[in-house]
Amino acid sequence: MSVLVRAILLSAFLAAAGAPAVAQEAAATAAKPSLSPEQIEQFLLTSRVMAARSAPTGVTNSQRVTLSDGRLTHDAHVQNVDIQKNVFNAPGAAPELNFKDSYRYNIAGYRLARLLGMDNVPVSVERKIDGKVAAVTWWVDDVLMDELTRGKKPEPEKSGPEPARTAMQLQVMRMFDELIQNRDRNAGNLVWTRDYKMWLIDHTRAFRLGKQLLKPDQIQRCERSLCDALRGLTKETLAKGMDKSLTPLEMDAILARRDLILKQIDARIARRGEAVVMFSLAAP
């Protein structure tokens, strides 16, 4: 019996028992496979949409869909937002010029993270859903909580089983957000799985054209392999890795911010020493 058939039967049984919400979740997570990024990309690009409903959070009218290729069933996040405004006035914030909110930045976020050796940005591909071009993003499994929930927990529970590792992951997030100039890393766009791994999601308001860092003082330390990848990043490798998900101006801005990040890290190393500034974030 295929994974899809088992999921459908399980959903029907639970719904009949008066638990439709649980049934939906069971069908969506009937299989939690170990797949390569390339395999996940292929699944997201070619599998059929079996069901769709509004995503629980966000302001872009995105959808959570259940996909199946006949063997594997899994959920994905679909965002087709593509807005550009000369001036955007957000409540409680200064006006932003040349504002963009675009699905393609989710794809760019995944591609850039992978180019830098990061594995905590879910796979995202470009695909048409219901006739509209969208970013289709792998739904993160085993989510324990978002950052808002984590922030409300008392210490030491907030820092998880390995406080030092949690702090390291937050440093990676801060550096990545400066690199992509992410103006929308709210507490709902950072989730933690049950193994206390941090996942960075929803980058539709990132990749601005500014060539200055937004919060340089927050960059205190750097993950060693990430720093090496930043040093090795060139205009040519960036263009190849982005595969048209970013414009040349957006890529130029990334490289300019990269230079400032490395300048800051090098200055901290000179003041405090490499052993203090650099760290290695091995897989748990």
Protein backbone atom coordinates (compact mmCIF):
# COMPACT_ATOMS: atom_id res chain seq x y z
CA MET A 1 0.00 0.00 0.00
CA SER A 2 1.46 3.38 -1.00
CA VAL A 3 2.19 6.23 1.42
CA LEU A 4 -0.54 8.29 -0.21
CA VAL A 5 -3.19 5.55 0.18
CA ARG A 6 -2.23 4.96 3.81
CA ALA A 7 -2.41 8.71 4.50
CA ILE A 8 -5.84 9.00 2.88
CA LEU A 9 -7.21 6.01 4.79
CA LEU A 10 -5.81 7.34 8.05
CA SER A 11 -7.32 10.75 7.38
CA ALA A 12 -10.74 9.22 6.67
CA PHE A 13 -10.62 7.15 9.84
CA LEU A 14 -9.68 10.07 12.05
CA ALA A 15 -12.22 12.37 10.44
CA ALA A 16 -14.94 9.82 11.06
CA ALA A 17 -13.84 9.70 14.68
CA GLY A 18 -14.39 13.44 14.95
CA ALA A 19 -10.79 14.62 14.62
CA PRO A 20 -10.48 16.29 11.18
CA ALA A 21 -7.68 18.64 12.24
CA VAL A 22 -5.60 15.75 13.51
CA ALA A 23 -6.36 13.83 10.32
CA GLN A 24 -5.02 16.63 8.15
CA GLU A 25 -1.81 16.74 10.13
CA ALA A 26 -1.43 12.97 10.02
CA ALA A 27 -1.83 12.91 6.25
CA ALA A 28 0.66 15.74 5.81
CA THR A 29 3.33 14.04 7.92
CA ALA A 30 2.67 10.41 7.04
CA ALA A 31 6.20 10.20 5.71
CA LYS A 32 9.27 12.07 6.92
CA PRO A 33 11.86 10.88 4.44
CA SER A 34 15.56 11.53 4.33
CA LEU A 35 15.95 13.22 0.98
CA SER A 36 18.71 15.24 -0.65
CA PRO A 37 17.98 18.87 -1.56
CA GLU A 38 17.90 17.84 -5.22
CA GLN A 39 15.30 15.16 -4.51
CA ILE A 40 13.17 17.63 -2.56
CA GLU A 41 13.42 20.15 -5.40
CA GLN A 42 12.22 17.54 -7.87
CA PHE A 43 9.32 16.58 -5.61
CA LEU A 44 8.23 20.20 -5.18
CA LEU A 45 8.44 20.80 -8.92
CA THR A 46 6.56 17.76 -10.15
CA SER A 47 4.20 16.36 -7.50
CA ARG A 48 0.43 16.82 -7.62
CA VAL A 49 -1.50 19.16 -5.36
CA MET A 50 -3.85 16.94 -3.35
CA ALA A 51 -5.27 19.54 -0.95
CA ALA A 52 -4.86 23.22 -0.09
CA ARG A 53 -5.80 25.52 2.76
CA SER A 54 -4.77 28.95 3.98
CA ALA A 55 -1.45 29.09 5.79
CA PRO A 56 -1.93 29.72 9.52
CA THR A 57 0.22 32.86 9.70
CA GLY A 58 1.50 35.64 7.47
CA VAL A 59 -0.04 38.54 5.56
CA THR A 60 0.57 37.43 1.96
CA ASN A 61 -2.47 35.13 1.56
CA SER A 62 -0.19 32.13 1.22
CA GLN A 63 -1.32 28.52 1.19
CA ARG A 64 -0.30 25.29 2.84
CA VAL A 65 -0.72 22.54 0.26
CA THR A 66 -0.39 18.77 0.44
CA LEU A 67 1.64 17.34 -2.44
CA SER A 68 2.02 13.75 -3.61
CA ASP A 69 3.98 11.99 -6.35
CA GLY A 70 2.28 8.65 -5.71
CA ARG A 71 5.01 7.46 -3.36
CA LEU A 72 5.61 10.40 -1.06
CA THR A 73 3.09 12.78 0.50
CA HIS A 74 4.31 16.00 2.10
CA ASP A 75 3.18 19.58 2.70
CA ALA A 76 4.58 22.73 1.12
CA HIS A 77 4.13 26.47 1.56
CA VAL A 78 2.97 28.32 -1.56
CA GLN A 79 3.55 32.07 -1.86
CA ASN A 80 2.85 34.01 -5.04
CA VAL A 81 3.08 37.52 -3.61
CA ASP A 82 4.95 39.91 -5.93
CA ILE A 83 4.46 43.52 -4.87
CA GLN A 84 6.59 46.56 -5.62
CA LYS A 85 5.97 50.07 -4.28
CA ASN A 86 7.97 53.28 -4.56
CA VAL A 87 7.17 54.04 -0.91
CA PHE A 88 5.85 51.64 1.72
CA ASN A 89 4.56 52.86 5.06
CA ALA A 90 4.48 50.11 7.67
CA PRO A 91 2.82 50.82 11.02
CA GLY A 92 5.35 52.04 13.55
CA ALA A 93 8.24 52.11 11.08
CA ALA A 94 9.95 54.67 8.88
CA PRO A 95 8.82 54.76 5.23
CA GLU A 96 10.73 52.32 3.04
CA LEU A 97 11.69 53.32 -0.50
CA ASN A 98 11.70 50.86 -3.39
CA PHE A 99 9.74 48.35 -1.34
CA LYS A 100 9.40 44.78 -2.61
CA ASP A 101 7.56 41.77 -1.25
CA SER A 102 8.21 38.90 -3.63
CA TYR A 103 7.95 35.12 -3.74
CA ARG A 104 11.25 34.95 -5.62
CA TYR A 105 13.17 35.98 -2.51
CA ASN A 106 12.15 32.73 -0.83
CA ILE A 107 13.86 30.89 -3.68
CA ALA A 108 16.87 33.19 -3.49
CA GLY A 109 17.13 32.67 0.27
CA TYR A 110 17.28 28.90 -0.15
CA ARG A 111 19.77 29.10 -3.01
CA LEU A 112 22.07 31.50 -1.19
CA ALA A 113 21.97 29.46 2.01
CA ARG A 114 22.89 26.33 0.10
CA LEU A 115 25.69 28.16 -1.70
CA LEU A 116 27.09 29.08 1.73
CA GLY A 117 26.79 25.55 3.11
CA MET A 118 23.82 26.34 5.38
CA ASP A 119 21.19 23.62 5.83
CA ASN A 120 18.60 25.52 7.87
CA VAL A 121 16.68 27.29 5.09
CA PRO A 122 14.04 24.98 3.57
CA VAL A 123 14.15 24.05 -0.10
CA SER A 124 12.14 26.44 -2.28
CA VAL A 125 11.48 26.27 -6.03
CA GLU A 126 9.63 28.32 -8.61
CA ARG A 127 6.50 26.68 -9.98
CA LYS A 128 3.05 27.57 -11.27
CA ILE A 129 0.20 26.73 -8.90
CA ASP A 130 -3.35 27.47 -10.09
CA GLY A 131 -1.89 29.34 -13.04
CA LYS A 132 0.23 31.69 -10.90
CA VAL A 133 4.01 31.63 -10.58
CA ALA A 134 4.91 30.99 -6.95
CA ALA A 135 7.59 29.90 -4.55
CA VAL A 136 6.80 26.37 -3.41
CA THR A 137 8.70 25.68 -0.19
CA TRP A 138 9.13 22.42 1.73
CA TRP A 139 7.12 22.54 4.96
CA VAL A 140 9.46 22.04 7.92
CA ASP A 141 8.75 18.82 9.83
CA ASP A 142 8.70 18.31 13.59
CA VAL A 143 8.34 21.98 14.50
CA LEU A 144 8.38 22.45 18.25
CA MET A 145 7.76 26.20 18.42
CA ASP A 146 8.42 29.53 16.79
CA GLU A 147 10.72 32.20 18.17
CA LEU A 148 7.86 34.05 19.83
CA THR A 149 7.05 30.99 21.92
CA ARG A 150 10.70 30.32 22.70
CA GLY A 151 11.19 33.90 23.82
CA LYS A 152 8.46 33.55 26.43
CA LYS A 153 10.06 30.53 28.06
CA PRO A 154 12.10 30.97 31.25
CA GLU A 155 15.78 30.19 31.40
CA PRO A 156 17.27 27.63 31.14
CA GLU A 157 14.37 26.13 29.16
CA LYS A 158 14.59 28.92 26.59
CA SER A 159 18.13 27.97 25.59
CA GLY A 160 17.33 24.30 25.10
CA PRO A 161 19.47 21.27 25.93
CA GLU A 162 22.63 22.90 24.53
CA PRO A 163 22.62 26.64 25.34
CA ALA A 164 25.93 27.28 23.58
CA ARG A 165 24.64 25.70 20.39
CA THR A 166 21.44 27.75 20.54
CA ALA A 167 23.49 30.94 20.86
CA MET A 168 25.63 29.89 17.89
CA GLN A 169 22.56 29.31 15.73
CA LEU A 170 21.25 32.76 16.57
CA GLN A 171 24.56 34.26 15.49
CA VAL A 172 24.26 32.46 12.15
CA MET A 173 20.77 33.90 11.75
CA ARG A 174 21.95 37.45 12.48
CA MET A 175 24.76 37.19 9.95
CA PHE A 176 22.52 35.71 7.27
CA ASP A 177 19.91 38.42 7.81
CA GLU A 178 22.52 41.13 7.45
CA LEU A 179 23.82 39.49 4.28
CA ILE A 180 20.36 39.40 2.68
CA GLN A 181 19.24 42.62 4.40
CA ASN A 182 16.16 40.94 5.79
CA ARG A 183 13.76 43.53 7.19
CA ASP A 184 11.12 41.02 8.23
CA ARG A 185 12.73 38.51 10.61
CA ASN A 186 9.83 38.60 13.00
CA ALA A 187 9.34 35.94 15.65
CA GLY A 188 7.08 33.93 13.37
CA ASN A 189 9.73 33.64 10.65
CA LEU A 190 12.11 31.62 12.80
CA VAL A 191 11.06 28.16 13.97
CA TRP A 192 12.69 25.49 16.11
CA THR A 193 12.30 21.77 15.55
CA ARG A 194 12.20 19.17 18.31
CA ASP A 195 15.95 18.61 18.08
CA TYR A 196 16.35 22.35 18.79
CA LYS A 197 17.51 23.15 15.29
CA MET A 198 16.73 26.65 14.06
CA TRP A 199 15.03 27.05 10.68
CA LEU A 200 14.87 30.38 8.85
CA ILE A 201 11.68 30.76 6.82
CA ASP A 202 9.81 33.35 4.75
CA HIS A 203 12.25 35.76 3.09
CA THR A 204 9.83 37.61 0.79
CA ARG A 205 10.90 41.01 2.19
CA ALA A 206 14.65 40.45 2.07
CA PHE A 207 17.35 41.17 -0.53
CA ARG A 208 17.16 44.95 -0.45
CA LEU A 209 19.54 47.12 -2.44
CA GLY A 210 21.11 48.84 0.56
CA LYS A 211 24.87 48.39 0.80
CA GLN A 212 25.15 49.11 4.52
CA LEU A 213 24.52 46.76 7.43
CA LEU A 214 21.30 47.29 9.40
CA LYS A 215 22.52 46.11 12.82
CA PRO A 216 26.28 45.55 12.59
CA ASP A 217 26.72 45.50 16.38
CA GLN A 218 24.75 42.25 16.53
CA ILE A 219 27.44 40.42 14.58
CA GLN A 220 29.67 39.30 17.42
CA ARG A 221 30.90 35.90 16.27
CA CYS A 222 31.03 33.85 13.07
CA GLU A 223 30.63 30.19 12.20
CA ARG A 224 33.91 29.08 10.68
CA SER A 225 32.67 27.28 7.55
CA LEU A 226 30.18 30.07 6.86
CA CYS A 227 32.94 32.65 7.12
CA ASP A 228 35.09 30.65 4.70
CA ALA A 229 32.19 30.42 2.26
CA LEU A 230 31.63 34.16 2.46
CA ARG A 231 35.29 34.81 1.71
CA GLY A 232 35.10 32.54 -1.31
CA LEU A 233 31.91 34.03 -2.72
CA THR A 234 32.45 35.70 -6.09
CA LYS A 235 30.19 37.51 -8.50
CA GLU A 236 30.36 34.55 -10.85
CA THR A 237 29.55 31.85 -8.26
CA LEU A 238 26.77 33.98 -6.82
CA ALA A 239 25.16 34.53 -10.24
CA LYS A 240 25.35 30.82 -11.03
CA GLY A 241 23.93 29.81 -7.66
CA MET A 242 21.03 32.26 -7.80
CA ASP A 243 19.89 31.05 -11.23
CA LYS A 244 18.02 34.26 -12.09
CA SER A 245 16.18 34.49 -8.76
CA LEU A 246 17.95 37.83 -8.11
CA THR A 247 18.75 40.82 -10.28
CA PRO A 248 22.36 41.95 -10.88
CA LEU A 249 21.80 44.95 -8.57
CA GLU A 250 20.51 42.70 -5.80
CA MET A 251 23.56 40.46 -6.13
CA ASP A 252 25.91 43.46 -6.09
CA ALA A 253 24.30 44.56 -2.82
CA ILE A 254 24.90 41.10 -1.31
CA LEU A 255 28.59 41.27 -2.16
CA ALA A 256 28.91 44.80 -0.75
CA ARG A 257 27.30 43.71 2.52
CA ARG A 258 29.47 40.60 2.55
CA ASP A 259 32.56 42.80 2.45
CA LEU A 260 31.33 44.83 5.43
CA ILE A 261 30.49 41.69 7.41
CA LEU A 262 33.96 40.23 6.86
CA LYS A 263 35.55 43.58 7.70
CA GLN A 264 33.71 43.58 11.01
CA ILE A 265 34.62 39.98 11.79
CA ASP A 266 38.28 40.58 10.97
CA ALA A 267 38.33 43.65 13.22
CA ARG A 268 36.85 41.62 16.10
CA ILE A 269 39.41 38.86 15.56
CA ALA A 270 42.19 41.46 15.70
CA ARG A 271 40.83 42.81 18.99
CA ARG A 272 39.70 39.65 20.76
CA GLY A 273 41.41 36.75 19.02
CA GLU A 274 40.19 34.09 16.62
CA ALA A 275 39.37 31.58 19.36
CA VAL A 276 36.83 33.98 20.84
CA VAL A 277 35.21 35.13 17.60
CA MET A 278 35.11 31.96 15.51
CA PHE A 279 33.15 28.79 16.25
CA SER A 280 32.16 25.56 14.51
CA LEU A 281 28.52 24.52 14.45
CA ALA A 282 28.65 20.77 13.89
CA ALA A 283 25.52 18.77 13.18
CA PRO A 284 23.78 17.55 16.37
